[in-house]
Amino acid sequence: MSRFRRMLVAVLLLGGPAPLLAQGTDVEARLAARGVPVPLARSVADIAATAASRGLPTGPLADKAIEGWAKQVPAARITAAVRMLAQQMMTARDAVRAGGIESPDGSVIAAAAEAMRGGMRAEQVRSVVQAAGASGVAGPGLSVAAALSAQGLGGTEAVKIVVGALRNRESMSKLLDLPSLARAMHDEGMSAGDIGHRILDGSGEGGDHDGRSSGDHGGRPSVVPPGTGDGHDYHGRD
């Protein structure tokens, strides 16, 4: 399993649903177990309880608090950062709903929030969600788009690639392999622009990294068919 896949599984598990009434208590207990002072743990738990009542995941909020405490950030700043993250997840939830998933689960909201923190716009999140059509596909799709963008492809190109893969009903395995494919092309010396073009037209630089010729797409997603994704449906960074 690639590093990206391991990270994605962790995100999906942390963002998964849990009984709303228990989440605030769970967060406080988790923070206390990590040595976070009781007043700070209770403040974060209160924010988490409110977030849970709005259908938001609480795992990322606890993670943010633990990260801040480990870095010796003042408690007031940690609380403010956790509250801001909760607001960002609300914005992300609204973007996912606009994409057609009325009651998104925590993993999709967490993936959307992470993507938007990386620069993805609400319109781009909506495009990925619309192409996915279901929570179980939208979350990984958003995470893959964010990973591609972080590798230097740019948000518009990354979203076009993922939307194309989703519309083509590529397998989950091929979807999750896109960041590794882009990294392999980068390691071969290809520019970000060339990587995007190669993936979009389904061609490779002398092969598809498993011994097949560039004309054989058996091991690589032929992501966007000719004439698809002219860029007008997507926008730049937030």
Foldseek 3Di string as FASTA:
>chain_A
DDPLVVVLVVLLVQQFDDPLVCQLVVLLVVCVVLVDDNVLSNLLSVLLSVLVVVQEGSSVLSVQLSVCVVVVHDSVVSSVVSNVLSVLLVLQLVLLVLLPDVRAGRLLSSLSSVLQVLFFDSLLLSLLNVLQVDNVRSNLLSSQLSLLVVVPLFNLLSSQQSSQQSNVVPDPVQSSCLSVQLVVVVVVPDDSPVSSVCLQQQFDDQASPPPHGRVDNPPHDRRHHPPPRPSPSGDGGD
